[in-house]
Amino acid sequence: MTIKEVQDQIIEDFSMFDQWLDKYEYIIDLAKELAPYDDNNKVPANLISGCQSRVWIDADFKDGIVTFMADSDAIITKGIVSLLLKVLSNRTPQEIMTADLFFIEKIGLRENLSPTRANGLVSMIKQMKTYGLAYDAKSKL
């Protein structure tokens, strides 16, 4: 599926819920489905600054594809990062760098986050796009 198709699916999934409380429950469910994150990777280099809670994002680059791994000590944040992984993981660096993450606005996520969580979301996206940029540059050496 393309990045657009994945985002369209997320929007459709969230459209099933009328209340934000139900959407938060869904985000919590997504957090529980996130692949386990190796505690050895919970190092300062993988810690996202600007987040209210602690979030770690790491990436692997193999055969032209970036795969993200992530974790958080807060369940809602873990669910949010799970959404980002659904959209951006297993993509080329170019796809990651140019991705328009329209699903965030369409599902109303940004407007329903506290200012510090919204800043954290921006920091997570920035870090993932930075990985895309770095791996793109590395692939051209």
C-alpha atoms as a PDB file:
ATOM      1  CA  MET A   1       0.000   0.000   0.000  1.00  0.00           C
ATOM      2  CA  THR A   2       1.148   3.523  -0.685  1.00  0.00           C
ATOM      3  CA  ILE A   3       1.550   6.133   2.053  1.00  0.00           C
ATOM      4  CA  LYS A   4      -1.656   7.779   0.842  1.00  0.00           C
ATOM      5  CA  GLU A   5      -3.556   4.471   0.953  1.00  0.00           C
ATOM      6  CA  VAL A   6      -2.356   3.728   4.495  1.00  0.00           C
ATOM      7  CA  GLN A   7      -3.430   7.195   5.637  1.00  0.00           C
ATOM      8  CA  ASP A   8      -6.815   6.797   3.936  1.00  0.00           C
ATOM      9  CA  GLN A   9      -7.256   3.508   5.837  1.00  0.00           C
ATOM     10  CA  ILE A  10      -6.367   5.194   9.145  1.00  0.00           C
ATOM     11  CA  ILE A  11      -8.898   7.950   8.425  1.00  0.00           C
ATOM     12  CA  GLU A  12     -11.537   5.326   7.649  1.00  0.00           C
ATOM     13  CA  ASP A  13     -10.706   3.407  10.843  1.00  0.00           C
ATOM     14  CA  PHE A  14     -11.059   6.553  12.949  1.00  0.00           C
ATOM     15  CA  SER A  15     -14.311   7.550  11.236  1.00  0.00           C
ATOM     16  CA  MET A  16     -16.020   4.646  13.022  1.00  0.00           C
ATOM     17  CA  PHE A  17     -15.794   6.615  16.283  1.00  0.00           C
ATOM     18  CA  ASP A  18     -17.898   9.685  17.065  1.00  0.00           C
ATOM     19  CA  GLN A  19     -16.349  10.606  20.408  1.00  0.00           C
ATOM     20  CA  TRP A  20     -12.704  11.395  21.102  1.00  0.00           C
ATOM     21  CA  LEU A  21     -12.775   9.149  24.142  1.00  0.00           C
ATOM     22  CA  ASP A  22     -13.439   6.222  21.786  1.00  0.00           C
ATOM     23  CA  LYS A  23     -10.638   7.390  19.488  1.00  0.00           C
ATOM     24  CA  TYR A  24      -8.252   7.470  22.457  1.00  0.00           C
ATOM     25  CA  GLU A  25      -9.285   3.908  23.311  1.00  0.00           C
ATOM     26  CA  TYR A  26      -8.443   2.919  19.737  1.00  0.00           C
ATOM     27  CA  ILE A  27      -5.060   4.649  20.010  1.00  0.00           C
ATOM     28  CA  ILE A  28      -4.418   2.683  23.224  1.00  0.00           C
ATOM     29  CA  ASP A  29      -5.296  -0.537  21.378  1.00  0.00           C
ATOM     30  CA  LEU A  30      -2.790   0.396  18.653  1.00  0.00           C
ATOM     31  CA  ALA A  31      -0.139   0.920  21.328  1.00  0.00           C
ATOM     32  CA  LYS A  32      -0.662  -2.634  22.541  1.00  0.00           C
ATOM     33  CA  GLU A  33      -0.042  -3.932  19.000  1.00  0.00           C
ATOM     34  CA  LEU A  34       3.305  -2.135  18.599  1.00  0.00           C
ATOM     35  CA  ALA A  35       6.191  -4.556  18.135  1.00  0.00           C
ATOM     36  CA  PRO A  36       8.384  -4.991  21.227  1.00  0.00           C
ATOM     37  CA  TYR A  37      11.281  -2.556  21.418  1.00  0.00           C
ATOM     38  CA  ASP A  38      14.672  -3.772  22.608  1.00  0.00           C
ATOM     39  CA  ASP A  39      15.508  -2.115  25.941  1.00  0.00           C
ATOM     40  CA  ASN A  40      19.139  -1.933  24.777  1.00  0.00           C
ATOM     41  CA  ASN A  41      17.989   0.665  22.229  1.00  0.00           C
ATOM     42  CA  LYS A  42      16.529   2.927  24.917  1.00  0.00           C
ATOM     43  CA  VAL A  43      19.581   5.140  24.771  1.00  0.00           C
ATOM     44  CA  PRO A  44      19.799   8.953  24.749  1.00  0.00           C
ATOM     45  CA  ALA A  45      20.610   8.977  21.025  1.00  0.00           C
ATOM     46  CA  ASN A  46      17.187   7.424  20.249  1.00  0.00           C
ATOM     47  CA  LEU A  47      15.233   9.573  22.725  1.00  0.00           C
ATOM     48  CA  ILE A  48      13.025  12.210  21.098  1.00  0.00           C
ATOM     49  CA  SER A  49      13.397  15.636  22.636  1.00  0.00           C
ATOM     50  CA  GLY A  50      10.358  17.872  22.960  1.00  0.00           C
ATOM     51  CA  CYS A  51       8.016  15.113  24.088  1.00  0.00           C
ATOM     52  CA  GLN A  52       6.076  15.217  27.347  1.00  0.00           C
ATOM     53  CA  SER A  53       6.739  11.497  27.792  1.00  0.00           C
ATOM     54  CA  ARG A  54       9.782   9.488  26.860  1.00  0.00           C
ATOM     55  CA  VAL A  55       9.774   8.281  23.246  1.00  0.00           C
ATOM     56  CA  TRP A  56      12.486   6.320  21.511  1.00  0.00           C
ATOM     57  CA  ILE A  57      12.680   5.993  17.740  1.00  0.00           C
ATOM     58  CA  ASP A  58      15.335   4.038  15.929  1.00  0.00           C
ATOM     59  CA  ALA A  59      15.673   3.071  12.274  1.00  0.00           C
ATOM     60  CA  ASP A  60      17.298   0.415  10.163  1.00  0.00           C
ATOM     61  CA  PHE A  61      18.208   0.846   6.507  1.00  0.00           C
ATOM     62  CA  LYS A  62      18.441  -2.248   4.349  1.00  0.00           C
ATOM     63  CA  ASP A  63      18.023  -2.759   0.606  1.00  0.00           C
ATOM     64  CA  GLY A  64      16.894   0.834   0.143  1.00  0.00           C
ATOM     65  CA  ILE A  65      14.103   0.590   2.742  1.00  0.00           C
ATOM     66  CA  VAL A  66      13.887   2.326   6.117  1.00  0.00           C
ATOM     67  CA  THR A  67      12.269   0.358   8.925  1.00  0.00           C
ATOM     68  CA  PHE A  68      11.399   2.165  12.140  1.00  0.00           C
ATOM     69  CA  MET A  69      11.225   0.764  15.644  1.00  0.00           C
ATOM     70  CA  ALA A  70       9.780   2.791  18.516  1.00  0.00           C
ATOM     71  CA  ASP A  71       8.514   2.759  22.069  1.00  0.00           C
ATOM     72  CA  SER A  72       7.183   5.144  24.685  1.00  0.00           C
ATOM     73  CA  ASP A  73       6.614   5.027  28.412  1.00  0.00           C
ATOM     74  CA  ALA A  74       3.149   6.584  27.921  1.00  0.00           C
ATOM     75  CA  ILE A  75       0.383   4.481  26.358  1.00  0.00           C
ATOM     76  CA  ILE A  76      -1.273   7.280  24.315  1.00  0.00           C
ATOM     77  CA  THR A  77       2.093   8.409  22.947  1.00  0.00           C
ATOM     78  CA  LYS A  78       2.956   4.812  22.132  1.00  0.00           C
ATOM     79  CA  GLY A  79      -0.279   4.573  20.137  1.00  0.00           C
ATOM     80  CA  ILE A  80       0.505   7.798  18.297  1.00  0.00           C
ATOM     81  CA  VAL A  81       3.975   6.594  17.372  1.00  0.00           C
ATOM     82  CA  SER A  82       2.377   3.324  16.248  1.00  0.00           C
ATOM     83  CA  LEU A  83       0.283   5.325  13.750  1.00  0.00           C
ATOM     84  CA  LEU A  84       3.416   7.051  12.454  1.00  0.00           C
ATOM     85  CA  LEU A  85       5.141   3.688  12.020  1.00  0.00           C
ATOM     86  CA  LYS A  86       2.163   2.336  10.066  1.00  0.00           C
ATOM     87  CA  VAL A  87       2.547   5.212   7.610  1.00  0.00           C
ATOM     88  CA  LEU A  88       6.317   5.734   7.400  1.00  0.00           C
ATOM     89  CA  SER A  89       7.999   2.418   8.197  1.00  0.00           C
ATOM     90  CA  ASN A  90       9.130   0.114   5.393  1.00  0.00           C
ATOM     91  CA  ARG A  91       9.429   2.981   2.935  1.00  0.00           C
ATOM     92  CA  THR A  92      12.214   4.444   0.850  1.00  0.00           C
ATOM     93  CA  PRO A  93      14.037   7.474   2.242  1.00  0.00           C
ATOM     94  CA  GLN A  94      12.500   9.588  -0.528  1.00  0.00           C
ATOM     95  CA  GLU A  95       8.961   8.502   0.381  1.00  0.00           C
ATOM     96  CA  ILE A  96       9.592   9.384   4.036  1.00  0.00           C
ATOM     97  CA  MET A  97      11.100  12.779   3.249  1.00  0.00           C
ATOM     98  CA  THR A  98       8.259  13.825   0.945  1.00  0.00           C
ATOM     99  CA  ALA A  99       5.345  12.286   2.862  1.00  0.00           C
ATOM    100  CA  ASP A 100       2.436  14.635   3.496  1.00  0.00           C
ATOM    101  CA  LEU A 101       0.985  13.319   6.735  1.00  0.00           C
ATOM    102  CA  PHE A 102      -2.556  14.545   6.138  1.00  0.00           C
ATOM    103  CA  PHE A 103      -4.160  11.886   8.345  1.00  0.00           C
ATOM    104  CA  ILE A 104      -3.132  13.792  11.497  1.00  0.00           C
ATOM    105  CA  GLU A 105      -5.448  16.690  10.653  1.00  0.00           C
ATOM    106  CA  LYS A 106      -8.182  14.546   9.072  1.00  0.00           C
ATOM    107  CA  ILE A 107      -8.690  12.409  12.191  1.00  0.00           C
ATOM    108  CA  GLY A 108      -8.488  15.490  14.435  1.00  0.00           C
ATOM    109  CA  LEU A 109      -5.453  14.216  16.297  1.00  0.00           C
ATOM    110  CA  ARG A 110      -3.482  17.457  16.526  1.00  0.00           C
ATOM    111  CA  GLU A 111      -6.438  19.480  17.826  1.00  0.00           C
ATOM    112  CA  ASN A 112      -7.166  16.865  20.514  1.00  0.00           C
ATOM    113  CA  LEU A 113      -3.653  16.722  21.934  1.00  0.00           C
ATOM    114  CA  SER A 114      -2.287  18.870  24.705  1.00  0.00           C
ATOM    115  CA  PRO A 115       0.253  21.445  23.486  1.00  0.00           C
ATOM    116  CA  THR A 116       3.159  19.402  24.856  1.00  0.00           C
ATOM    117  CA  ARG A 117       1.900  16.196  23.188  1.00  0.00           C
ATOM    118  CA  ALA A 118       1.383  18.112  19.917  1.00  0.00           C
ATOM    119  CA  ASN A 119       4.986  19.352  20.154  1.00  0.00           C
ATOM    120  CA  GLY A 120       6.085  15.794  20.765  1.00  0.00           C
ATOM    121  CA  LEU A 121       4.214  14.635  17.667  1.00  0.00           C
ATOM    122  CA  VAL A 122       6.033  17.255  15.597  1.00  0.00           C
ATOM    123  CA  SER A 123       9.361  16.118  17.105  1.00  0.00           C
ATOM    124  CA  MET A 124       8.635  12.466  16.265  1.00  0.00           C
ATOM    125  CA  ILE A 125       7.792  13.321  12.657  1.00  0.00           C
ATOM    126  CA  LYS A 126      10.861  15.527  12.361  1.00  0.00           C
ATOM    127  CA  GLN A 127      13.103  12.722  13.634  1.00  0.00           C
ATOM    128  CA  MET A 128      11.629  10.169  11.240  1.00  0.00           C
ATOM    129  CA  LYS A 129      12.028  12.544   8.291  1.00  0.00           C
ATOM    130  CA  THR A 130      15.622  13.230   9.420  1.00  0.00           C
ATOM    131  CA  TYR A 131      16.306   9.489   9.250  1.00  0.00           C
ATOM    132  CA  GLY A 132      14.871   9.535   5.717  1.00  0.00           C
ATOM    133  CA  LEU A 133      17.157  12.412   4.775  1.00  0.00           C
ATOM    134  CA  ALA A 134      20.233  10.763   6.314  1.00  0.00           C
ATOM    135  CA  TYR A 135      19.603   7.414   4.632  1.00  0.00           C
ATOM    136  CA  ASP A 136      18.886   9.154   1.326  1.00  0.00           C
ATOM    137  CA  ALA A 137      22.258  10.912   1.535  1.00  0.00           C
ATOM    138  CA  LYS A 138      23.980   7.662   2.570  1.00  0.00           C
ATOM    139  CA  SER A 139      22.488   5.779  -0.378  1.00  0.00           C
ATOM    140  CA  LYS A 140      23.938   8.325  -2.802  1.00  0.00           C
ATOM    141  CA  LEU A 141      27.541   7.958  -1.585  1.00  0.00           C
END
